[in-house]
Protein backbone atom coordinates (compact mmCIF):
# COMPACT_ATOMS: atom_id res chain seq x y z
CA UNK A 1 -28.15 -28.99 -49.50
CA UNK A 2 -24.82 -30.31 -50.88
CA UNK A 3 -23.10 -30.60 -47.70
CA UNK A 4 -25.94 -32.67 -46.41
CA UNK A 5 -25.84 -34.86 -49.69
CA UNK A 6 -22.32 -35.49 -48.98
CA UNK A 7 -22.79 -36.90 -45.49
CA UNK A 8 -25.52 -39.12 -46.65
CA UNK A 9 -23.31 -40.41 -49.12
CA UNK A 10 -20.65 -41.25 -46.88
CA UNK A 11 -22.73 -43.13 -44.72
CA UNK A 12 -23.90 -45.27 -47.45
CA UNK A 13 -20.54 -45.96 -48.80
CA UNK A 14 -17.87 -48.19 -46.93
CA UNK A 15 -14.81 -46.37 -46.12
CA UNK A 16 -12.56 -49.42 -46.85
CA UNK A 17 -13.40 -48.66 -50.60
CA UNK A 18 -12.11 -45.20 -50.49
CA UNK A 19 -8.93 -46.11 -52.24
CA UNK A 20 -10.80 -48.08 -54.97
CA UNK A 21 -10.86 -45.08 -57.34
CA UNK A 22 -7.62 -45.07 -59.08
CA UNK A 23 -6.14 -42.61 -61.43
CA UNK A 24 -4.91 -44.36 -64.61
CA UNK A 25 -3.64 -41.48 -66.70
CA UNK A 26 -0.20 -41.36 -68.41
CA UNK A 27 1.87 -38.24 -69.09
CA UNK A 28 0.23 -36.02 -71.73
CA UNK A 29 1.84 -36.47 -75.18
CA UNK A 30 3.28 -33.52 -77.31
CA UNK A 31 0.57 -31.47 -78.81
CA UNK A 32 0.40 -31.57 -82.81
CA UNK A 33 -2.36 -30.48 -84.66
CA UNK A 34 -4.22 -32.89 -86.72
CA UNK A 35 -3.45 -32.31 -90.55
CA UNK A 36 -6.68 -30.89 -92.27
CA UNK A 37 -8.47 -29.50 -89.36
CA UNK A 38 -8.40 -25.58 -88.79
CA UNK A 39 -7.06 -23.87 -85.54
CA UNK A 40 -9.43 -22.35 -83.12
CA UNK A 41 -9.37 -19.09 -81.48
CA UNK A 42 -8.32 -19.22 -77.69
CA UNK A 43 -11.00 -20.40 -75.49
CA UNK A 44 -12.62 -18.74 -72.62
CA UNK A 45 -12.68 -21.40 -69.89
CA UNK A 46 -14.34 -19.33 -67.37
CA UNK A 47 -17.64 -21.28 -67.60
CA UNK A 48 -19.78 -18.45 -66.21
CA UNK A 49 -22.14 -18.45 -69.26
CA UNK A 50 -22.60 -19.70 -72.76
CA UNK A 51 -21.27 -17.82 -75.56
CA UNK A 52 -22.40 -18.14 -79.23
CA UNK A 53 -20.22 -20.62 -80.52
CA UNK A 54 -18.65 -20.18 -84.11
CA UNK A 55 -20.27 -21.76 -87.25
CA UNK A 56 -19.35 -25.32 -87.29
CA UNK A 57 -16.75 -26.89 -84.97
CA UNK A 58 -12.82 -26.27 -85.43
CA UNK A 59 -9.97 -28.09 -83.90
CA UNK A 60 -7.92 -28.13 -82.03
CA UNK A 61 -10.36 -27.14 -79.15
CA UNK A 62 -7.64 -25.14 -77.38
CA UNK A 63 -4.22 -23.88 -78.25
CA UNK A 64 -2.77 -24.92 -75.16
CA UNK A 65 -2.72 -28.54 -73.97
CA UNK A 66 -5.99 -28.94 -71.71
CA UNK A 67 -6.25 -31.89 -69.34
CA UNK A 68 -9.86 -33.05 -68.33
CA UNK A 69 -10.48 -35.59 -65.58
CA UNK A 70 -13.06 -38.30 -65.96
CA UNK A 71 -14.76 -40.90 -63.67
CA UNK A 72 -14.80 -43.67 -65.94
CA UNK A 73 -16.33 -46.48 -63.75
CA UNK A 74 -15.03 -49.87 -64.34
CA UNK A 75 -12.77 -50.91 -67.24
CA UNK A 76 -14.55 -52.10 -70.16
CA UNK A 77 -14.33 -55.80 -69.99
CA UNK A 78 -12.76 -56.44 -73.42
CA UNK A 79 -10.46 -53.67 -73.22
CA UNK A 80 -9.09 -54.79 -69.73
CA UNK A 81 -7.98 -58.05 -71.40
CA UNK A 82 -5.49 -56.09 -73.72
CA UNK A 83 -4.45 -52.99 -71.73
CA UNK A 84 -4.92 -51.20 -68.24
CA UNK A 85 -5.00 -47.50 -69.20
CA UNK A 86 -7.47 -46.04 -71.53
CA UNK A 87 -4.72 -43.60 -72.72
CA UNK A 88 -3.18 -46.59 -74.70
CA UNK A 89 -6.18 -46.92 -76.81
CA UNK A 90 -5.82 -45.79 -80.61
CA UNK A 91 -9.31 -43.64 -80.18
CA UNK A 92 -8.26 -41.69 -77.35
CA UNK A 93 -4.67 -41.18 -78.71
CA UNK A 94 -6.33 -39.52 -82.00
CA UNK A 95 -8.77 -37.55 -79.75
CA UNK A 96 -6.11 -35.98 -77.97
CA UNK A 97 -4.26 -35.22 -81.22
CA UNK A 98 -7.23 -33.62 -82.93
CA UNK A 99 -8.55 -31.73 -79.82
CA UNK A 100 -5.33 -31.07 -77.79
CA UNK A 101 -7.42 -32.24 -74.86
CA UNK A 102 -5.85 -35.17 -72.51
CA UNK A 103 -8.04 -37.30 -70.26
CA UNK A 104 -6.84 -38.15 -67.06
CA UNK A 105 -9.03 -41.34 -66.10
CA UNK A 106 -10.39 -42.53 -62.83
CA UNK A 107 -11.25 -46.10 -62.95
CA UNK A 108 -12.54 -48.57 -60.45
CA UNK A 109 -12.47 -52.31 -59.98
CA UNK A 110 -15.03 -54.35 -61.30
CA UNK A 111 -17.82 -55.10 -59.00
CA UNK A 112 -17.46 -52.00 -57.20
CA UNK A 113 -20.57 -50.87 -55.79
CA UNK A 114 -19.86 -47.80 -53.72
CA UNK A 115 -17.29 -46.15 -55.83
CA UNK A 116 -19.70 -43.70 -57.19
CA UNK A 117 -21.06 -42.64 -53.89
CA UNK A 118 -17.66 -42.24 -52.39
CA UNK A 119 -16.85 -39.98 -55.53
CA UNK A 120 -19.83 -37.85 -54.72
CA UNK A 121 -19.18 -38.05 -50.90
CA UNK A 122 -15.60 -36.66 -51.61
CA UNK A 123 -16.97 -33.44 -52.97
CA UNK A 124 -13.87 -33.54 -55.43
CA UNK A 125 -15.61 -34.25 -58.77
CA UNK A 126 -14.05 -34.60 -61.89
CA UNK A 127 -14.74 -32.64 -65.03
CA UNK A 128 -16.63 -35.47 -66.56
CA UNK A 129 -18.68 -37.95 -64.78
CA UNK A 130 -19.68 -41.58 -66.32
CA UNK A 131 -23.00 -43.15 -65.39
CA UNK A 132 -24.67 -39.93 -64.05
CA UNK A 133 -27.89 -41.72 -63.43
CA UNK A 134 -26.23 -43.46 -60.46
CA UNK A 135 -27.03 -40.24 -58.40
CA UNK A 136 -29.40 -41.73 -55.81
CA UNK A 137 -32.04 -39.13 -55.93
CA UNK A 138 -31.86 -38.78 -59.92
CA UNK A 139 -30.75 -36.29 -62.56
CA UNK A 140 -32.67 -33.32 -61.59
CA UNK A 141 -31.67 -33.45 -57.92
CA UNK A 142 -28.02 -33.83 -59.00
CA UNK A 143 -28.25 -30.24 -60.67
CA UNK A 144 -30.38 -28.67 -57.93
CA UNK A 145 -27.72 -30.06 -55.13
CA UNK A 146 -24.92 -28.57 -57.15
CA UNK A 147 -23.17 -31.59 -58.70
CA UNK A 148 -24.06 -31.86 -62.21
CA UNK A 149 -23.94 -28.78 -64.70
CA UNK A 150 -27.37 -28.01 -66.33
CA UNK A 151 -26.54 -28.36 -69.89
CA UNK A 152 -29.76 -26.91 -71.20
CA UNK A 153 -28.56 -23.34 -71.79
CA UNK A 154 -25.67 -24.68 -73.85
CA UNK A 155 -27.38 -26.75 -76.40
CA UNK A 156 -27.46 -24.25 -79.17
CA UNK A 157 -23.63 -23.63 -78.60
CA UNK A 158 -21.42 -25.83 -77.20
CA UNK A 159 -23.62 -28.93 -77.61
CA UNK A 160 -25.08 -27.98 -80.90
CA UNK A 161 -24.48 -31.10 -82.85
CA UNK A 162 -25.53 -33.28 -79.97
CA UNK A 163 -28.87 -31.35 -79.77
CA UNK A 164 -29.40 -31.63 -83.54
CA UNK A 165 -29.44 -35.38 -83.20
CA UNK A 166 -31.34 -35.42 -79.88
CA UNK A 167 -34.10 -33.44 -81.31
CA UNK A 168 -34.66 -35.38 -84.32
CA UNK A 169 -37.58 -37.32 -82.82
CA UNK A 170 -40.13 -37.00 -80.10
CA UNK A 171 -38.76 -40.18 -78.47
CA UNK A 172 -35.12 -39.06 -78.73
CA UNK A 173 -36.02 -35.77 -77.19
CA UNK A 174 -38.43 -37.26 -74.35
CA UNK A 175 -35.76 -39.84 -73.30
CA UNK A 176 -32.80 -37.23 -73.05
CA UNK A 177 -34.67 -34.82 -70.84
CA UNK A 178 -35.47 -34.87 -67.28
CA UNK A 179 -38.97 -34.53 -65.75
CA UNK A 180 -38.41 -30.78 -65.22
CA UNK A 181 -37.42 -30.22 -68.83
CA UNK A 182 -33.60 -29.98 -68.37
CA UNK A 183 -30.42 -31.85 -69.93
CA UNK A 184 -28.27 -33.25 -67.28
CA UNK A 185 -26.22 -35.48 -69.18
CA UNK A 186 -25.34 -36.33 -72.75
CA UNK A 187 -26.09 -39.62 -73.89
CA UNK A 188 -25.80 -42.08 -76.50
CA UNK A 189 -27.72 -41.88 -79.73
CA UNK A 190 -28.07 -44.71 -82.00
CA UNK A 191 -27.71 -43.75 -85.77
CA UNK A 192 -30.37 -46.37 -86.69
CA UNK A 193 -32.77 -48.66 -84.30
CA UNK A 194 -31.15 -51.80 -83.37
CA UNK A 195 -33.28 -54.81 -83.07
CA UNK A 196 -33.33 -56.95 -79.96
CA UNK A 197 -29.76 -58.35 -79.52
CA UNK A 198 -30.59 -61.04 -77.01
CA UNK A 199 -33.15 -63.73 -76.92
CA UNK A 200 -33.86 -67.44 -76.73
CA UNK A 201 -31.83 -69.87 -79.24
CA UNK A 202 -32.68 -73.55 -79.63
CA UNK A 203 -30.62 -76.44 -80.81
CA UNK A 204 -31.73 -76.88 -84.58
CA UNK A 205 -29.59 -79.94 -85.15
CA UNK A 206 -31.43 -81.71 -82.14
CA UNK A 207 -34.73 -80.88 -83.55
CA UNK A 208 -33.98 -82.02 -87.21
CA UNK A 209 -32.33 -85.24 -85.78
CA UNK A 210 -35.40 -86.07 -83.59
CA UNK A 211 -37.90 -84.82 -86.36
CA UNK A 212 -39.36 -82.04 -84.29
CA UNK A 213 -40.84 -79.04 -85.31
CA UNK A 214 -39.93 -75.47 -83.70
CA UNK A 215 -42.20 -75.34 -80.94
CA UNK A 216 -44.82 -72.51 -80.58
CA UNK A 217 -47.07 -73.19 -77.69
CA UNK A 218 -46.55 -74.26 -74.18
CA UNK A 219 -47.77 -78.05 -74.95
CA UNK A 220 -45.27 -78.01 -77.92
CA UNK A 221 -42.56 -76.81 -75.89
CA UNK A 222 -42.95 -79.57 -73.37
CA UNK A 223 -42.66 -82.12 -76.00
CA UNK A 224 -39.49 -80.78 -77.31
CA UNK A 225 -37.88 -80.41 -73.83
CA UNK A 226 -38.92 -83.93 -72.79
CA UNK A 227 -37.47 -85.24 -76.16
CA UNK A 228 -34.20 -83.24 -75.59
CA UNK A 229 -34.07 -84.79 -71.83
CA UNK A 230 -34.86 -88.24 -72.59
CA UNK A 231 -33.26 -88.76 -76.16
CA UNK A 232 -30.29 -86.26 -76.06
CA UNK A 233 -29.51 -86.30 -72.10
CA UNK A 234 -29.62 -82.81 -71.53
CA UNK A 235 -28.89 -81.93 -68.01
CA UNK A 236 -31.09 -78.72 -68.25
CA UNK A 237 -33.32 -78.93 -71.41
CA UNK A 238 -34.33 -75.20 -70.70
CA UNK A 239 -31.79 -73.01 -68.87
CA UNK A 240 -33.54 -70.13 -67.74
CA UNK A 241 -30.37 -67.65 -67.58
CA UNK A 242 -31.12 -64.78 -65.16
CA UNK A 243 -33.96 -64.42 -62.86
CA UNK A 244 -36.71 -66.01 -64.95
CA UNK A 245 -35.13 -65.80 -68.37
CA UNK A 246 -36.43 -64.90 -71.72
CA UNK A 247 -39.13 -67.63 -71.41
CA UNK A 248 -41.53 -65.17 -69.53
CA UNK A 249 -41.84 -62.82 -72.08
CA UNK A 250 -44.25 -65.02 -73.79
CA UNK A 251 -46.50 -64.60 -70.84
CA UNK A 252 -45.94 -61.06 -70.58
CA UNK A 253 -43.87 -61.33 -67.53
CA UNK A 254 -40.15 -60.84 -66.47
CA UNK A 255 -37.26 -60.96 -68.87
CA UNK A 256 -34.58 -60.93 -66.10
CA UNK A 257 -32.27 -58.85 -67.98
CA UNK A 258 -32.61 -55.36 -66.33
CA UNK A 259 -33.09 -53.72 -69.81
CA UNK A 260 -36.66 -52.91 -68.85
CA UNK A 261 -38.40 -53.01 -65.34
CA UNK A 262 -39.20 -56.51 -65.31
CA UNK A 263 -41.59 -56.39 -62.25
CA UNK A 264 -43.65 -53.46 -63.70
CA UNK A 265 -45.96 -53.05 -66.67
CA UNK A 266 -47.50 -50.05 -68.62
CA UNK A 267 -50.72 -51.13 -69.76
CA UNK A 268 -52.28 -48.31 -71.68
CA UNK A 269 -50.79 -45.72 -69.52
CA UNK A 270 -51.79 -47.43 -66.10
CA UNK A 271 -48.74 -49.17 -63.91
CA UNK A 272 -49.44 -52.79 -63.05
CA UNK A 273 -47.17 -54.52 -60.43
CA UNK A 274 -46.37 -57.78 -62.63
CA UNK A 275 -45.36 -60.40 -59.68
CA UNK A 276 -48.89 -60.56 -58.46
CA UNK A 277 -50.88 -60.92 -62.12
CA UNK A 278 -52.83 -63.98 -63.38
CA UNK A 279 -50.11 -63.99 -66.14
CA UNK A 280 -47.37 -64.59 -63.35
CA UNK A 281 -49.27 -67.26 -61.60
CA UNK A 282 -49.79 -68.91 -65.06
CA UNK A 283 -46.28 -68.53 -65.97
CA UNK A 284 -44.99 -69.88 -62.32
CA UNK A 285 -47.36 -73.00 -62.58
CA UNK A 286 -45.75 -74.23 -66.04
CA UNK A 287 -42.25 -73.50 -64.58
CA UNK A 288 -43.09 -75.54 -61.23
CA UNK A 289 -44.32 -78.48 -63.32
CA UNK A 290 -41.25 -78.27 -65.65
CA UNK A 291 -39.00 -78.48 -62.69
CA UNK A 292 -40.86 -81.43 -61.28
CA UNK A 293 -40.15 -83.27 -64.58
CA UNK A 294 -36.49 -82.12 -64.77
CA UNK A 295 -37.09 -80.02 -67.85
CA UNK A 296 -35.45 -76.82 -66.53
CA UNK A 297 -32.06 -76.15 -64.89
CA UNK A 298 -32.23 -77.76 -61.38
CA UNK A 299 -29.60 -75.13 -60.32
CA UNK A 300 -31.23 -72.10 -61.58
CA UNK A 301 -31.70 -70.45 -58.08
CA UNK A 302 -27.68 -70.23 -58.10
CA UNK A 303 -27.54 -68.60 -61.67
CA UNK A 304 -30.19 -65.69 -61.02
CA UNK A 305 -27.54 -63.18 -61.42
CA UNK A 306 -26.75 -64.64 -64.99
CA UNK A 307 -27.02 -62.35 -67.88
CA UNK A 308 -26.99 -65.55 -70.37
CA UNK A 309 -26.61 -69.12 -70.30
CA UNK A 310 -23.62 -70.93 -69.38
CA UNK A 311 -21.23 -71.40 -72.24
CA UNK A 312 -19.95 -74.75 -71.11
CA UNK A 313 -23.66 -76.02 -70.68
CA UNK A 314 -24.40 -74.93 -74.11
CA UNK A 315 -21.20 -76.26 -75.98
CA UNK A 316 -21.14 -79.55 -74.21
CA UNK A 317 -24.79 -80.21 -74.90
CA UNK A 318 -26.28 -80.03 -71.45
CA UNK A 319 -28.93 -77.71 -72.71
CA UNK A 320 -31.09 -77.33 -75.54
CA UNK A 321 -32.90 -73.88 -75.15
CA UNK A 322 -31.23 -70.99 -73.58
CA UNK A 323 -30.91 -66.97 -73.88
CA UNK A 324 -27.83 -65.47 -75.38
CA UNK A 325 -26.54 -62.55 -77.57
CA UNK A 326 -26.76 -63.15 -81.30
CA UNK A 327 -23.03 -62.66 -81.62
CA UNK A 328 -22.21 -65.77 -79.57
CA UNK A 329 -24.03 -68.06 -81.95
CA UNK A 330 -20.87 -68.25 -84.13
CA UNK A 331 -18.66 -68.69 -81.17
CA UNK A 332 -20.78 -71.71 -79.70
CA UNK A 333 -20.47 -73.35 -83.02
CA UNK A 334 -16.99 -72.98 -83.21
CA UNK A 335 -16.09 -74.29 -79.64
CA UNK A 336 -18.88 -77.05 -79.36
CA UNK A 337 -17.79 -80.61 -78.87
CA UNK A 338 -20.39 -81.56 -81.35
CA UNK A 339 -19.40 -81.17 -85.14
CA UNK A 340 -23.06 -80.86 -86.18
CA UNK A 341 -23.99 -78.21 -83.50
CA UNK A 342 -26.41 -75.44 -84.75
CA UNK A 343 -28.75 -73.11 -83.26
CA UNK A 344 -31.43 -70.86 -84.46
CA UNK A 345 -33.52 -68.09 -82.75
CA UNK A 346 -36.87 -68.93 -81.28
CA UNK A 347 -40.01 -66.97 -80.19
CA UNK A 348 -41.27 -66.92 -76.70
CA UNK A 349 -43.94 -69.59 -76.24
CA UNK A 350 -47.57 -68.86 -76.41
CA UNK A 351 -49.18 -69.95 -73.09
CA UNK A 352 -52.27 -72.09 -72.91
CA UNK A 353 -54.31 -68.97 -72.23
CA UNK A 354 -53.60 -68.08 -76.10
CA UNK A 355 -52.73 -64.27 -74.80
CA UNK A 356 -49.38 -63.39 -76.21
CA UNK A 357 -47.37 -61.43 -73.86
CA UNK A 358 -46.35 -57.87 -74.65
CA UNK A 359 -43.23 -57.25 -72.74
CA UNK A 360 -39.64 -57.89 -74.27
CA UNK A 361 -36.21 -57.00 -74.65
CA UNK A 362 -35.40 -53.68 -76.34
CA UNK A 363 -32.71 -51.56 -77.33
CA UNK A 364 -33.54 -47.91 -76.38
CA UNK A 365 -33.54 -45.26 -78.84
CA UNK A 366 -31.17 -43.43 -76.62
CA UNK A 367 -28.97 -45.05 -74.07
CA UNK A 368 -25.32 -45.95 -72.70
CA UNK A 369 -24.43 -44.81 -69.34
CA UNK A 370 -24.00 -41.22 -70.39
CA UNK A 371 -21.78 -38.53 -69.32
CA UNK A 372 -22.47 -35.51 -66.92
CA UNK A 373 -20.08 -32.44 -66.50
CA UNK A 374 -19.36 -31.52 -63.27
CA UNK A 375 -20.74 -28.05 -61.95
CA UNK A 376 -17.37 -27.19 -60.57
CA UNK A 377 -15.42 -27.85 -63.79
CA UNK A 378 -12.88 -24.93 -64.44
CA UNK A 379 -13.06 -26.36 -68.05
CA UNK A 380 -16.93 -26.57 -68.66
CA UNK A 381 -16.82 -25.09 -72.39
CA UNK A 382 -14.02 -27.40 -73.27
CA UNK A 383 -15.68 -30.59 -71.74
CA UNK A 384 -18.69 -29.90 -73.65
CA UNK A 385 -17.10 -29.32 -76.95
CA UNK A 386 -15.11 -32.34 -76.32
CA UNK A 387 -18.34 -34.38 -75.91
CA UNK A 388 -19.89 -32.71 -78.58
CA UNK A 389 -17.38 -33.62 -81.32
CA UNK A 390 -18.23 -37.31 -80.89
CA UNK A 391 -21.65 -36.29 -82.36
CA UNK A 392 -20.16 -34.70 -85.38
CA UNK A 393 -19.47 -36.79 -88.64
CA UNK A 394 -16.01 -36.58 -88.07
CA UNK A 395 -16.12 -37.42 -84.35
CA UNK A 396 -18.69 -40.27 -84.73
CA UNK A 397 -16.68 -41.75 -87.54
CA UNK A 398 -13.56 -41.72 -85.49
CA UNK A 399 -15.50 -43.28 -82.48
CA UNK A 400 -17.22 -46.11 -84.41
CA UNK A 401 -14.48 -47.12 -86.88
CA UNK A 402 -11.17 -45.51 -85.97
CA UNK A 403 -8.96 -44.09 -88.64
CA UNK A 404 -9.30 -44.45 -92.50
CA UNK A 405 -6.94 -46.84 -94.24
CA UNK A 406 -6.02 -48.05 -90.93
CA UNK A 407 -8.98 -49.68 -89.01
CA UNK A 408 -11.45 -48.87 -91.66
CA UNK A 409 -11.91 -48.15 -95.45
CA UNK A 410 -14.91 -47.30 -97.60
CA UNK A 411 -16.83 -49.91 -99.41
CA UNK A 412 -18.23 -49.23 -102.91
CA UNK A 413 -21.31 -47.76 -101.42
CA UNK A 414 -19.39 -45.31 -99.43
CA UNK A 415 -20.06 -47.16 -96.00
CA UNK A 416 -17.13 -47.38 -93.86
CA UNK A 417 -15.97 -51.20 -93.15
CA UNK A 418 -13.57 -52.41 -90.92
CA UNK A 419 -10.23 -53.59 -92.17
CA UNK A 420 -8.76 -57.03 -91.21
CA UNK A 421 -6.84 -55.19 -88.40
CA UNK A 422 -10.22 -55.34 -86.58
CA UNK A 423 -12.07 -58.46 -88.07
CA UNK A 424 -8.92 -60.73 -88.40
CA UNK A 425 -6.38 -58.83 -86.02
CA UNK A 426 -2.75 -60.05 -86.91
CA UNK A 427 -1.86 -59.90 -83.29
CA UNK A 428 -4.58 -62.44 -82.55
CA UNK A 429 -6.89 -60.13 -80.79
CA UNK A 430 -10.53 -61.14 -80.99
CA UNK A 431 -12.75 -58.67 -82.87
CA UNK A 432 -14.38 -57.41 -79.71
CA UNK A 433 -10.91 -56.83 -78.34
CA UNK A 434 -9.87 -55.00 -81.37
CA UNK A 435 -12.59 -52.80 -81.34
CA UNK A 436 -12.21 -51.99 -77.83
CA UNK A 437 -8.39 -51.16 -78.39
CA UNK A 438 -8.71 -49.56 -81.54
CA UNK A 439 -11.89 -47.58 -81.49
CA UNK A 440 -14.35 -46.10 -78.67
CA UNK A 441 -14.84 -48.87 -76.09
CA UNK A 442 -18.59 -49.50 -76.15
CA UNK A 443 -20.68 -47.47 -73.88
CA UNK A 444 -17.66 -45.75 -72.24
CA UNK A 445 -18.47 -42.46 -73.78
CA UNK A 446 -21.84 -41.19 -75.53
CA UNK A 447 -21.59 -40.59 -79.23
CA UNK A 448 -23.54 -41.14 -82.38
CA UNK A 449 -23.25 -44.89 -82.32
CA UNK A 450 -23.38 -47.06 -85.40
CA UNK A 451 -24.45 -50.60 -83.93
CA UNK A 452 -24.23 -52.36 -87.57
CA UNK A 453 -20.44 -52.15 -87.14
CA UNK A 454 -20.90 -55.20 -85.07
CA UNK A 455 -22.25 -57.21 -87.91
CA UNK A 456 -18.64 -57.37 -89.47
CA UNK A 457 -17.91 -60.01 -86.97
CA UNK A 458 -20.90 -62.39 -87.34
CA UNK A 459 -22.48 -64.51 -89.85
CA UNK A 460 -25.57 -63.56 -91.86
CA UNK A 461 -27.40 -66.32 -90.07
CA UNK A 462 -26.40 -64.99 -86.46
CA UNK A 463 -27.60 -61.45 -87.63
CA UNK A 464 -31.09 -62.81 -88.83
CA UNK A 465 -31.70 -63.86 -85.51
CA UNK A 466 -32.44 -60.48 -84.04
CA UNK A 467 -35.33 -60.21 -86.65
CA UNK A 468 -36.89 -63.36 -85.02
CA UNK A 469 -36.45 -61.79 -81.62
CA UNK A 470 -37.99 -58.48 -82.93
CA UNK A 471 -41.43 -60.07 -83.45
CA UNK A 472 -42.03 -59.94 -79.74
CA UNK A 473 -44.50 -57.22 -78.94
CA UNK A 474 -43.33 -54.50 -76.25
CA UNK A 475 -46.59 -52.42 -75.93
CA UNK A 476 -46.49 -53.20 -72.02
CA UNK A 477 -42.72 -52.15 -71.22
CA UNK A 478 -42.35 -49.83 -68.39
CA UNK A 479 -39.99 -47.09 -69.68
CA UNK A 480 -36.69 -47.02 -67.86
CA UNK A 481 -36.33 -43.34 -68.51
CA UNK A 482 -39.38 -42.77 -66.17
CA UNK A 483 -37.98 -41.39 -63.00
CA UNK A 484 -39.09 -40.70 -59.50
CA UNK A 485 -38.61 -37.29 -57.33
CA UNK A 486 -36.20 -37.26 -54.20
CA UNK A 487 -39.01 -37.82 -51.89
CA UNK A 488 -40.62 -40.55 -54.02
CA UNK A 489 -37.40 -42.34 -54.58
CA UNK A 490 -37.01 -42.63 -50.75
CA UNK A 491 -40.45 -43.82 -49.98
CA UNK A 492 -40.22 -46.28 -52.72
CA UNK A 493 -37.11 -47.55 -51.95
CA UNK A 494 -38.20 -48.08 -48.24
CA UNK A 495 -41.17 -50.07 -49.21
CA UNK A 496 -40.06 -52.06 -52.10
CA UNK A 497 -36.94 -53.56 -50.93
CA UNK A 498 -39.07 -55.60 -48.63
CA UNK A 499 -41.53 -56.34 -51.33
CA UNK A 500 -38.61 -57.48 -53.69
CA UNK A 501 -37.18 -59.57 -51.07
CA UNK A 502 -40.42 -61.50 -50.28
CA UNK A 503 -41.47 -61.71 -53.79
CA UNK A 504 -38.06 -63.18 -55.01
CA UNK A 505 -38.07 -65.68 -52.50
CA UNK A 506 -41.65 -66.78 -52.77
CA UNK A 507 -41.58 -67.10 -56.62
CA UNK A 508 -38.53 -69.49 -56.36
CA UNK A 509 -40.12 -71.51 -53.71
CA UNK A 510 -43.26 -71.73 -55.94
CA UNK A 511 -41.18 -73.04 -58.76
CA UNK A 512 -39.34 -75.57 -56.63
CA UNK A 513 -42.40 -76.82 -54.93
CA UNK A 514 -41.48 -75.66 -51.47
CA UNK A 515 -45.02 -73.66 -51.51
CA UNK A 516 -47.91 -74.82 -53.34
CA UNK A 517 -49.05 -72.15 -55.83
CA UNK A 518 -52.61 -73.58 -56.25
CA UNK A 519 -53.21 -73.20 -52.63
CA UNK A 520 -50.92 -70.29 -51.50
CA UNK A 521 -51.17 -67.82 -54.27
CA UNK A 522 -53.89 -65.65 -52.64
CA UNK A 523 -51.93 -65.55 -49.32
CA UNK A 524 -48.69 -64.44 -51.35
CA UNK A 525 -50.76 -61.68 -53.28
CA UNK A 526 -52.19 -60.69 -49.82
CA UNK A 527 -48.81 -60.31 -48.19
CA UNK A 528 -47.57 -58.40 -51.03
CA UNK A 529 -50.35 -55.77 -50.50
CA UNK A 530 -49.74 -55.71 -46.73
CA UNK A 531 -46.03 -54.82 -47.48
CA UNK A 532 -47.41 -51.52 -49.28
CA UNK A 533 -47.26 -52.50 -52.93
CA UNK A 534 -50.37 -50.18 -53.80
CA UNK A 535 -48.11 -47.13 -52.75
CA UNK A 536 -45.38 -48.21 -55.08
CA UNK A 537 -47.80 -48.47 -57.76
CA UNK A 538 -49.14 -44.78 -56.98
CA UNK A 539 -45.41 -43.65 -56.99
CA UNK A 540 -44.61 -45.71 -60.10
CA UNK A 541 -47.58 -44.10 -61.87
CA UNK A 542 -46.72 -40.48 -60.91
CA UNK A 543 -43.28 -41.32 -62.68
CA UNK A 544 -44.94 -42.61 -65.66
CA UNK A 545 -47.35 -39.64 -66.01
CA UNK A 546 -44.36 -37.16 -66.03
CA UNK A 547 -42.50 -39.23 -68.44
CA UNK A 548 -45.27 -38.98 -70.84
CA UNK A 549 -46.01 -35.43 -70.32
CA UNK A 550 -42.27 -34.44 -71.22
């Protein structure tokens, strides 16, 4: 089976990219025990069977220097602006000092699409594998095919701290388990739930100047957008940002962010294909009307891969409503050519039907790209212990805040807070760059993640935006952790690729008026059915049923 998978992966990947995986390791530093930590007994690294771990976790993990290899994907965007080797990162230096484990990183260029498949095809897997969910047939298949180590038997030994956190709630446990009940990867766990960190913003200074209220209904939105166009000269009063933008959440349709499956709904346990619903028709009818009136970005077709609005358009007054990350508000204000620039968070509009949508942007309770351990690793136990350390109190503190009295101190309430080395870096690094360089770059490794550390770099007004976006109902979100079997995945992909291509093209044409939504909607729905959407619904339903039964 594994040999056949290797052949398939090769055929799916471009040979010209074979050299795209580059080792970015440096020479291992001299081994020194970190003061205040106990030495451990010599470890058995055979990996044949789990052994009962000692009470608590002892450091270093090995008397002798151990090197683990790690496929790390593309370099973190903020880190890449200050360094090109993760071993220059202060967090990894300290991790090596404490654990006596050196990491040899394998990174790939930004935008590489076949690097993961090429790694699988090579048959030479590193000890640790970033983004294990990229395995085309799913996590269970990756275990069955002999690529990933089944971590289930090690939860009470080498992964005991991770498991304690993973089992704190039914949601955490469900979302970190495969359909077959196994643990295929270590995932990031949030210390506290994070509200939606992205959503719609509106120019509050324009509203005040024009004596307008924050719009709620579709009709009120049109009044505001028209005023932004006619009286403020906005080129794109509403900037969609992404395939359909966050505006669609008010109609219970796509967000365009990829955080949840935007073409699929979970309505009381029943799967619904979103792109042919009455809600979608109503939504597209409004957008088509606004496109004709010049109220939305006329260039939206070329920006459908954008995660959020164009910064230049925002700061130069070309748009008045757009979606962005809450941390960007202060940056917009600082760089805008308008000294009165101000924005606030805004709820998604209520459609004329009066039925509020129930899909929205959510931060998963367990997330990140995750990390798998290779089934062929010669250092399985060390690899698992190294990952587990990031879920201990010491390890998560290091990952989130760095080193005490250097990058953080404790405030009067006993909570760690960043020093100015992070918040006002003396070398001129932005806070995001400083965090990436001195602490664990976000989402690279799974850890017990404290998202509240981000708040040190934003104003209270910016942080408050999340509570506004958090009012959006998300009852009908289809869970991203619902997974298909190998056979289902192949059948679904063969059908849905044609459905998705046709739907995307026709939706754009409905908005731009190339096709008339009033006279051609039924033909569009009929074609989607002819392409096999009902079978896709059946497959997605089976995946949802298994997920709910975990």
